[in-house]
Amino acid sequence: MRYGETGPHILLIEDDEGDALLVRACLSEAGIGDTEIEWCRTLADGVVAIRRQPRCVLLDLGLPDADGMSALLGAVEASPASPIIVLTGRHGEGGTEALALGAQDYLVKDDITSDLLERSIRYAMERKRAQRIGQQLREAQLSSAEKSRLERGLLPTPLLRSHRVRCSTYYRPGPDHAVLGGDFFDVIETPDHRIRVVIGDVMGHGPDQAAIGVHLRVAWRTLVLAGTPDVQILPTLATLLAAETGGNFGFVTACDITINPDLTTTLRVAGHPAPLLCTHGKTTYLDVEVGPPLGMESVVRMRPGWIRTGGWPQTHALLEPESSLIVYTDGLLDAFANTADGGSLGIEEFVAAVDGCASGEGTVASWIPALLNGAPNQSVVDDTAVVVITTGPSSTR
């Protein structure tokens, strides 16, 4: 094995000059020159050198300032990423303990040859590399498990009791795929056969935003299942947001919807994009009154008519049988933003794209991936969540 100028340097921590001379001679025979070897006589000096991340450490266990496994523990603590080969003058059972405490190999000085030392260094470096890869895999698995837990919290299975409506959902995380963002949604059919829908978007990205999204989504489901009056839902979520974040987090947009058995529908919109309504192949943008996002209600002047509805306006609409109500987060709008026109919202382009899909075949849910894949801005950095509620024919009402 030859180490060139760009090869790894070896750190030798050995207080005995004769033993150090023996080890350096073996290294020289293995093709490792003196310029690639750093020699320290004490653990204290070795710890300073270890922090410079040597590619391999040769460590004597009998040092003036550390003896036995305490020397190894000090070296491992100083640089967990560096492979360490323990050198000892004693035959015994210390090798197993040394390996358990973080060493990659254990050599008795009297047995060292250039071939043995060269092979031990090479194997130690490979073992440490494999260890790092294994650790990265475990971290990736833990991250995946965490992401799955967040998915279960943010993206629940709709709780429908009948076949009065069909529900389809879609979620696409941002391009980094590191962790889910703060987009959340839920769908519940209550015992009195009302369909309750919520979709929301926490400002920002990352685990903190995802955790807040989970809190709000679970709180919404709990409030709905507990029979909380509809007008109290958004105020309670706003109170929860302030309590969880100390009031210094930012804001959350949300759209809270109630569909009654006769298909009369009430929408409560907190700074969120308005839903689309697709009826008989024709798509329209619902004209909804929009209140402030959660977390910003205290800085937005409340209109007198909002007081009786909890501080957010209510918009009423009537769905037709076999129509689809499409709610979404702004990642979908961003995909259709007109970058050539100063970054306009792309609302008209978005509605036209949905209209084009509606004129074809298939259910609304089947359009969503095609809609996104055909969007002009494929470099969208925001998460995208979509919920489609499709009413049944009049006979099922």
Protein backbone atom coordinates (compact mmCIF):
# COMPACT_ATOMS: atom_id res chain seq x y z
CA MET A 1 0.00 0.00 0.00
CA ARG A 2 1.41 3.37 -1.01
CA TYR A 3 0.16 6.66 0.42
CA GLY A 4 0.87 9.64 -1.78
CA GLU A 5 0.88 13.30 -0.85
CA THR A 6 -2.92 13.32 -0.87
CA GLY A 7 -3.19 10.11 1.13
CA PRO A 8 -4.26 9.86 4.79
CA HIS A 9 -1.85 10.82 7.54
CA ILE A 10 -1.27 8.51 10.50
CA LEU A 11 -1.30 9.73 14.09
CA LEU A 12 0.93 7.73 16.43
CA ILE A 13 0.36 8.29 20.16
CA GLU A 14 3.25 6.50 21.89
CA ASP A 15 5.45 7.64 24.79
CA ASP A 16 8.23 5.06 24.36
CA GLU A 17 10.79 6.24 21.82
CA GLY A 18 11.97 2.72 21.01
CA ASP A 19 8.42 1.47 20.33
CA ALA A 20 7.74 4.56 18.28
CA LEU A 21 10.86 3.88 16.20
CA LEU A 22 9.69 0.28 15.61
CA VAL A 23 6.22 1.35 14.50
CA ARG A 24 7.58 4.07 12.21
CA ALA A 25 9.98 1.59 10.61
CA CYS A 26 7.07 -0.77 9.89
CA LEU A 27 5.07 2.11 8.45
CA SER A 28 8.01 3.08 6.26
CA GLU A 29 8.24 -0.48 4.91
CA ALA A 30 4.51 -0.28 4.17
CA GLY A 31 5.11 2.83 2.05
CA ILE A 32 4.07 5.48 4.57
CA GLY A 33 6.73 8.17 4.81
CA ASP A 34 7.68 10.24 7.83
CA THR A 35 5.89 13.27 6.40
CA GLU A 36 2.63 11.34 6.63
CA ILE A 37 3.13 10.40 10.29
CA GLU A 38 2.41 12.62 13.28
CA TRP A 39 3.89 11.47 16.59
CA CYS A 40 2.64 12.50 20.02
CA ARG A 41 3.98 11.28 23.37
CA THR A 42 0.95 12.00 25.59
CA LEU A 43 -2.81 11.63 25.32
CA ALA A 44 -3.24 15.37 25.87
CA ASP A 45 -1.09 16.16 22.82
CA GLY A 46 -2.76 13.31 20.93
CA VAL A 47 -6.24 14.68 21.63
CA VAL A 48 -5.22 18.01 20.09
CA ALA A 49 -3.93 16.18 17.01
CA ILE A 50 -6.94 13.85 16.83
CA ARG A 51 -9.24 16.83 16.48
CA ARG A 52 -7.54 17.52 13.15
CA GLN A 53 -9.25 14.34 11.91
CA PRO A 54 -6.38 11.95 11.08
CA ARG A 55 -7.33 9.07 8.84
CA CYS A 56 -6.02 6.52 11.33
CA VAL A 57 -4.78 6.61 14.94
CA LEU A 58 -2.23 4.19 16.42
CA LEU A 59 -2.74 4.41 20.18
CA ASP A 60 -0.55 3.00 22.95
CA LEU A 61 -2.53 2.09 26.08
CA GLY A 62 0.32 2.91 28.49
CA LEU A 63 0.76 6.68 28.38
CA PRO A 64 2.07 9.05 31.04
CA ASP A 65 -1.28 10.82 31.39
CA ALA A 66 -3.65 7.91 30.66
CA ASP A 67 -3.43 4.21 31.21
CA GLY A 68 -5.40 1.30 29.84
CA MET A 69 -8.86 1.86 28.42
CA SER A 70 -9.04 5.41 29.70
CA ALA A 71 -6.60 6.36 26.93
CA LEU A 72 -8.87 4.74 24.35
CA LEU A 73 -11.96 6.43 25.73
CA GLY A 74 -10.24 9.81 25.59
CA ALA A 75 -9.22 9.27 21.96
CA VAL A 76 -12.67 8.07 20.88
CA GLU A 77 -14.32 11.03 22.58
CA ALA A 78 -11.95 13.46 20.86
CA SER A 79 -12.69 12.11 17.36
CA PRO A 80 -15.42 9.49 17.01
CA ALA A 81 -14.96 9.55 13.22
CA SER A 82 -11.29 8.45 13.21
CA PRO A 83 -10.40 4.75 13.10
CA ILE A 84 -8.24 3.73 16.09
CA ILE A 85 -5.82 0.79 16.34
CA VAL A 86 -4.80 -0.01 19.89
CA LEU A 87 -1.12 -0.90 20.49
CA THR A 88 -0.20 -2.78 23.63
CA GLY A 89 2.83 -4.55 25.03
CA ARG A 90 0.70 -7.17 26.78
CA HIS A 91 -0.90 -10.33 25.50
CA GLY A 92 -4.29 -10.81 27.05
CA GLU A 93 -8.02 -10.38 26.63
CA GLY A 94 -8.00 -6.59 26.33
CA GLY A 95 -8.68 -6.71 22.62
CA THR A 96 -12.35 -7.59 23.03
CA GLU A 97 -12.86 -4.74 25.49
CA ALA A 98 -10.98 -2.32 23.24
CA LEU A 99 -13.16 -3.21 20.26
CA ALA A 100 -16.27 -2.83 22.41
CA LEU A 101 -15.15 0.65 23.45
CA GLY A 102 -14.60 1.92 19.91
CA ALA A 103 -11.27 0.62 18.59
CA GLN A 104 -11.14 -0.95 15.14
CA ASP A 105 -8.21 -3.30 15.89
CA TYR A 106 -5.87 -4.43 18.69
CA LEU A 107 -2.21 -5.24 18.06
CA VAL A 108 0.52 -6.50 20.37
CA LYS A 109 3.72 -4.55 19.64
CA ASP A 110 6.00 -7.62 19.67
CA ASP A 111 3.89 -9.18 16.92
CA ILE A 112 3.82 -6.16 14.60
CA THR A 113 5.25 -6.47 11.12
CA SER A 114 4.99 -4.07 8.23
CA ASP A 115 2.49 -6.34 6.44
CA LEU A 116 0.39 -6.80 9.57
CA LEU A 117 0.37 -3.08 10.33
CA GLU A 118 -0.43 -2.11 6.74
CA ARG A 119 -3.31 -4.58 6.63
CA SER A 120 -4.59 -3.50 10.05
CA ILE A 121 -4.63 0.17 9.01
CA ARG A 122 -6.43 -0.61 5.77
CA TYR A 123 -9.00 -2.80 7.51
CA ALA A 124 -9.49 -0.29 10.32
CA MET A 125 -10.25 2.47 7.82
CA GLU A 126 -12.71 0.23 5.98
CA ARG A 127 -14.39 -0.83 9.23
CA LYS A 128 -14.80 2.79 10.27
CA ARG A 129 -16.15 3.69 6.84
CA ALA A 130 -18.63 0.81 7.06
CA GLN A 131 -19.55 1.98 10.54
CA ARG A 132 -20.24 5.47 9.27
CA ILE A 133 -22.33 4.11 6.40
CA GLY A 134 -24.26 1.94 8.85
CA GLN A 135 -24.86 4.94 11.07
CA GLN A 136 -26.05 6.98 8.11
CA LEU A 137 -28.42 4.19 7.15
CA ARG A 138 -29.78 4.02 10.69
CA GLU A 139 -30.23 7.78 10.70
CA ALA A 140 -32.00 7.56 7.34
CA GLN A 141 -34.25 4.83 8.72
CA LEU A 142 -35.02 6.93 11.79
CA SER A 143 -35.73 9.90 9.54
CA SER A 144 -38.01 7.74 7.40
CA ALA A 145 -39.80 6.47 10.51
CA GLU A 146 -40.21 10.05 11.73
CA LYS A 147 -41.53 11.06 8.35
CA SER A 148 -44.01 8.18 8.46
CA ARG A 149 -45.21 9.33 11.88
CA LEU A 150 -45.64 12.85 10.56
CA GLU A 151 -47.47 11.50 7.52
CA ARG A 152 -49.91 9.66 9.75
CA GLY A 153 -50.44 12.86 11.73
CA LEU A 154 -50.71 15.24 8.78
CA LEU A 155 -52.31 12.98 6.19
CA PRO A 156 -54.96 10.88 7.93
CA THR A 157 -57.40 8.45 6.37
CA PRO A 158 -60.74 10.22 5.78
CA LEU A 159 -63.37 9.13 8.30
CA LEU A 160 -66.48 8.59 6.18
CA ARG A 161 -69.50 6.68 7.47
CA SER A 162 -71.53 6.36 4.25
CA HIS A 163 -71.24 6.51 0.47
CA ARG A 164 -72.87 9.92 0.14
CA VAL A 165 -69.60 11.43 -1.02
CA ARG A 166 -66.29 10.20 -2.35
CA CYS A 167 -63.07 11.63 -1.06
CA SER A 168 -59.68 11.66 -2.74
CA THR A 169 -56.51 13.17 -1.31
CA TYR A 170 -53.09 13.95 -2.71
CA TYR A 171 -49.88 15.14 -1.11
CA ARG A 172 -46.52 15.96 -2.67
CA PRO A 173 -43.71 17.23 -0.44
CA GLY A 174 -41.31 19.93 -1.55
CA PRO A 175 -38.28 19.02 -3.66
CA ASP A 176 -35.93 18.42 -0.70
CA HIS A 177 -38.09 15.52 0.57
CA ALA A 178 -36.23 15.85 3.89
CA VAL A 179 -39.32 16.15 5.98
CA LEU A 180 -42.93 16.91 5.47
CA GLY A 181 -43.89 20.55 5.63
CA GLY A 182 -46.79 22.04 7.51
CA ASP A 183 -49.58 21.26 5.03
CA PHE A 184 -52.36 19.25 6.66
CA PHE A 185 -55.90 18.13 5.95
CA ASP A 186 -58.70 15.96 7.33
CA VAL A 187 -62.16 14.77 6.33
CA ILE A 188 -64.86 13.50 8.72
CA GLU A 189 -68.50 12.52 8.35
CA THR A 190 -70.30 13.29 11.61
CA PRO A 191 -73.11 11.11 13.07
CA ASP A 192 -75.69 13.56 11.67
CA HIS A 193 -74.22 12.95 8.18
CA ARG A 194 -72.52 16.30 7.75
CA ILE A 195 -69.22 16.19 5.89
CA ARG A 196 -66.53 18.22 7.63
CA VAL A 197 -63.35 19.14 5.74
CA VAL A 198 -60.28 21.09 6.74
CA ILE A 199 -57.10 21.95 4.88
CA GLY A 200 -54.29 24.13 6.17
CA ASP A 201 -50.79 25.36 5.50
CA VAL A 202 -48.31 26.32 8.23
CA MET A 203 -45.95 29.09 7.18
CA GLY A 204 -42.47 27.73 6.51
CA HIS A 205 -40.95 24.28 6.16
CA GLY A 206 -39.32 21.76 8.45
CA PRO A 207 -40.04 19.57 11.47
CA ASP A 208 -41.30 22.45 13.64
CA GLN A 209 -43.89 23.40 11.04
CA ALA A 210 -44.83 19.75 10.52
CA ALA A 211 -45.32 19.29 14.27
CA ILE A 212 -47.58 22.35 14.43
CA GLY A 213 -49.55 21.00 11.47
CA VAL A 214 -50.04 17.71 13.31
CA HIS A 215 -51.20 19.54 16.46
CA LEU A 216 -53.74 21.59 14.52
CA ARG A 217 -55.02 18.66 12.48
CA VAL A 218 -55.50 16.43 15.53
CA ALA A 219 -57.11 19.29 17.44
CA TRP A 220 -59.52 19.92 14.55
CA ARG A 221 -60.55 16.25 14.44
CA THR A 222 -60.96 16.15 18.22
CA LEU A 223 -63.14 19.28 18.22
CA VAL A 224 -65.32 17.97 15.39
CA LEU A 225 -65.78 14.55 16.97
CA ALA A 226 -66.58 16.22 20.30
CA GLY A 227 -69.44 18.12 18.67
CA THR A 228 -67.90 21.59 19.04
CA PRO A 229 -70.02 24.19 17.20
CA ASP A 230 -68.55 24.99 13.80
CA VAL A 231 -68.06 28.70 14.57
CA GLN A 232 -65.82 27.81 17.52
CA ILE A 233 -63.39 25.63 15.55
CA LEU A 234 -61.15 28.30 14.02
CA PRO A 235 -61.01 30.42 17.20
CA THR A 236 -59.97 27.35 19.19
CA LEU A 237 -57.28 26.45 16.65
CA ALA A 238 -55.99 30.02 16.81
CA THR A 239 -55.81 29.77 20.61
CA LEU A 240 -53.96 26.45 20.34
CA LEU A 241 -51.50 27.91 17.82
CA ALA A 242 -50.70 30.80 20.16
CA ALA A 243 -50.30 28.43 23.11
CA GLU A 244 -48.00 26.04 21.23
CA THR A 245 -45.78 28.75 19.75
CA GLY A 246 -45.86 31.51 22.33
CA GLY A 247 -47.49 33.75 19.75
CA ASN A 248 -44.17 34.29 17.93
CA PHE A 249 -44.30 31.64 15.24
CA GLY A 250 -45.99 33.19 12.22
CA PHE A 251 -49.31 32.23 10.74
CA VAL A 252 -51.35 29.35 9.40
CA THR A 253 -53.86 29.51 6.57
CA ALA A 254 -56.88 27.23 6.75
CA CYS A 255 -60.17 26.43 5.06
CA ASP A 256 -62.86 24.81 7.23
CA ILE A 257 -65.89 23.43 5.39
CA THR A 258 -69.24 21.94 6.39
CA ILE A 259 -71.33 20.09 3.78
CA ASN A 260 -74.84 19.37 5.02
CA PRO A 261 -76.91 16.36 3.89
CA ASP A 262 -78.90 18.63 1.52
CA LEU A 263 -75.54 19.76 0.01
CA THR A 264 -75.83 23.29 1.37
CA THR A 265 -72.26 24.18 2.23
CA THR A 266 -70.61 26.64 4.59
CA LEU A 267 -67.00 27.68 4.12
CA ARG A 268 -64.86 29.45 6.70
CA VAL A 269 -61.63 30.68 5.09
CA ALA A 270 -58.67 31.94 7.11
CA GLY A 271 -56.29 33.46 4.57
CA HIS A 272 -56.41 30.31 2.45
CA PRO A 273 -56.88 29.97 -1.34
CA ALA A 274 -60.53 29.65 -2.31
CA PRO A 275 -61.78 26.20 -3.38
CA LEU A 276 -62.71 25.23 -6.91
CA LEU A 277 -66.10 23.76 -7.82
CA CYS A 278 -66.30 21.39 -10.77
CA THR A 279 -69.85 20.75 -12.01
CA HIS A 280 -70.76 18.97 -15.25
CA GLY A 281 -67.26 19.44 -16.60
CA LYS A 282 -67.19 23.19 -15.87
CA THR A 283 -64.81 24.60 -13.28
CA THR A 284 -65.47 27.78 -11.32
CA TYR A 285 -63.65 29.58 -8.57
CA LEU A 286 -65.86 29.92 -5.50
CA ASP A 287 -66.34 33.53 -4.49
CA VAL A 288 -65.63 33.32 -0.77
CA GLU A 289 -65.13 35.95 1.90
CA VAL A 290 -61.66 35.54 3.39
CA GLY A 291 -60.72 36.24 6.99
CA PRO A 292 -57.25 36.58 8.49
CA PRO A 293 -54.88 33.60 8.80
CA LEU A 294 -54.64 31.93 12.18
CA GLY A 295 -52.05 33.80 14.21
CA MET A 296 -52.81 37.14 12.56
CA GLU A 297 -56.39 37.69 13.67
CA SER A 298 -55.30 40.14 16.37
CA VAL A 299 -53.68 42.48 13.84
CA VAL A 300 -56.54 42.41 11.32
CA ARG A 301 -59.51 44.63 12.00
CA MET A 302 -62.53 42.43 12.67
CA ARG A 303 -65.61 43.29 10.68
CA PRO A 304 -68.84 43.61 12.67
CA GLY A 305 -70.50 40.71 10.87
CA TRP A 306 -67.69 38.32 11.83
CA ILE A 307 -68.24 38.57 15.58
CA ARG A 308 -71.19 36.18 15.66
CA THR A 309 -69.23 33.62 13.60
CA GLY A 310 -66.22 33.51 15.92
CA GLY A 311 -64.12 36.17 14.20
CA TRP A 312 -64.03 34.64 10.72
CA PRO A 313 -66.57 35.12 7.91
CA GLN A 314 -68.84 32.38 6.59
CA THR A 315 -69.61 31.86 2.92
CA HIS A 316 -72.60 29.76 1.86
CA ALA A 317 -72.85 27.73 -1.33
CA LEU A 318 -74.93 24.90 -2.75
CA LEU A 319 -73.28 21.87 -4.26
CA GLU A 320 -75.00 19.87 -6.96
CA PRO A 321 -75.14 16.08 -7.13
CA GLU A 322 -72.12 14.59 -8.91
CA SER A 323 -70.04 17.71 -8.47
CA SER A 324 -66.55 18.02 -7.03
CA LEU A 325 -65.25 20.50 -4.48
CA ILE A 326 -61.47 20.89 -4.75
CA VAL A 327 -59.48 22.37 -1.86
CA TYR A 328 -55.70 22.70 -1.97
CA THR A 329 -52.68 24.47 -0.54
CA ASP A 330 -50.83 27.23 -2.36
CA GLY A 331 -48.16 24.86 -3.70
CA LEU A 332 -50.66 24.02 -6.42
CA LEU A 333 -51.13 27.68 -7.27
CA ASP A 334 -47.36 28.22 -7.28
CA ALA A 335 -47.04 25.53 -9.94
CA PHE A 336 -49.21 27.68 -12.23
CA ALA A 337 -47.78 31.08 -11.30
CA ASN A 338 -46.98 33.20 -14.34
CA THR A 339 -43.26 33.90 -13.86
CA ALA A 340 -43.13 35.78 -17.15
CA ASP A 341 -45.74 38.23 -15.88
CA GLY A 342 -44.08 39.31 -12.66
CA GLY A 343 -45.04 36.18 -10.75
CA SER A 344 -48.84 36.61 -10.84
CA LEU A 345 -50.81 33.97 -8.98
CA GLY A 346 -51.73 31.98 -12.05
CA ILE A 347 -55.35 31.60 -10.97
CA GLU A 348 -56.74 31.75 -14.49
CA GLU A 349 -54.13 29.26 -15.71
CA PHE A 350 -54.95 26.95 -12.84
CA VAL A 351 -58.71 27.05 -13.47
CA ALA A 352 -58.14 26.52 -17.18
CA ALA A 353 -55.94 23.50 -16.47
CA VAL A 354 -58.60 21.95 -14.24
CA ASP A 355 -61.21 22.72 -16.88
CA GLY A 356 -59.07 20.93 -19.45
CA CYS A 357 -58.86 17.89 -17.24
CA ALA A 358 -62.58 18.00 -16.53
CA SER A 359 -63.38 17.84 -20.24
CA GLY A 360 -61.58 14.51 -20.44
CA GLU A 361 -62.32 11.18 -18.85
CA GLY A 362 -61.70 9.86 -15.38
CA THR A 363 -62.44 11.07 -11.87
CA VAL A 364 -61.19 14.33 -10.47
CA ALA A 365 -58.74 12.45 -8.26
CA SER A 366 -57.10 10.93 -11.33
CA TRP A 367 -56.45 14.40 -12.74
CA ILE A 368 -54.32 15.66 -9.87
CA PRO A 369 -50.95 14.03 -10.74
CA ALA A 370 -51.44 14.92 -14.40
CA LEU A 371 -52.39 18.46 -13.40
CA LEU A 372 -49.18 18.85 -11.41
CA ASN A 373 -46.98 17.13 -13.96
CA GLY A 374 -48.33 19.45 -16.66
CA ALA A 375 -47.88 22.62 -14.62
CA PRO A 376 -45.48 25.17 -16.14
CA ASN A 377 -43.41 25.59 -12.96
CA GLN A 378 -41.94 22.21 -12.07
CA SER A 379 -39.44 23.81 -9.68
CA VAL A 380 -42.10 24.56 -7.06
CA VAL A 381 -40.44 24.54 -3.63
CA ASP A 382 -43.63 24.36 -1.57
CA ASP A 383 -45.51 21.29 -0.46
CA THR A 384 -48.77 20.58 -2.25
CA ALA A 385 -51.87 19.08 -0.65
CA VAL A 386 -55.19 18.51 -2.41
CA VAL A 387 -58.54 17.18 -1.17
CA VAL A 388 -61.38 16.43 -3.58
CA ILE A 389 -64.90 15.84 -2.29
CA THR A 390 -67.27 14.45 -4.93
CA THR A 391 -70.98 14.26 -4.22
CA GLY A 392 -73.04 11.28 -5.26
CA PRO A 393 -76.11 11.29 -7.52
CA SER A 394 -79.32 12.78 -6.17
CA SER A 395 -80.66 9.35 -5.18
CA THR A 396 -77.91 8.99 -2.56
CA ARG A 397 -78.59 12.34 -0.85
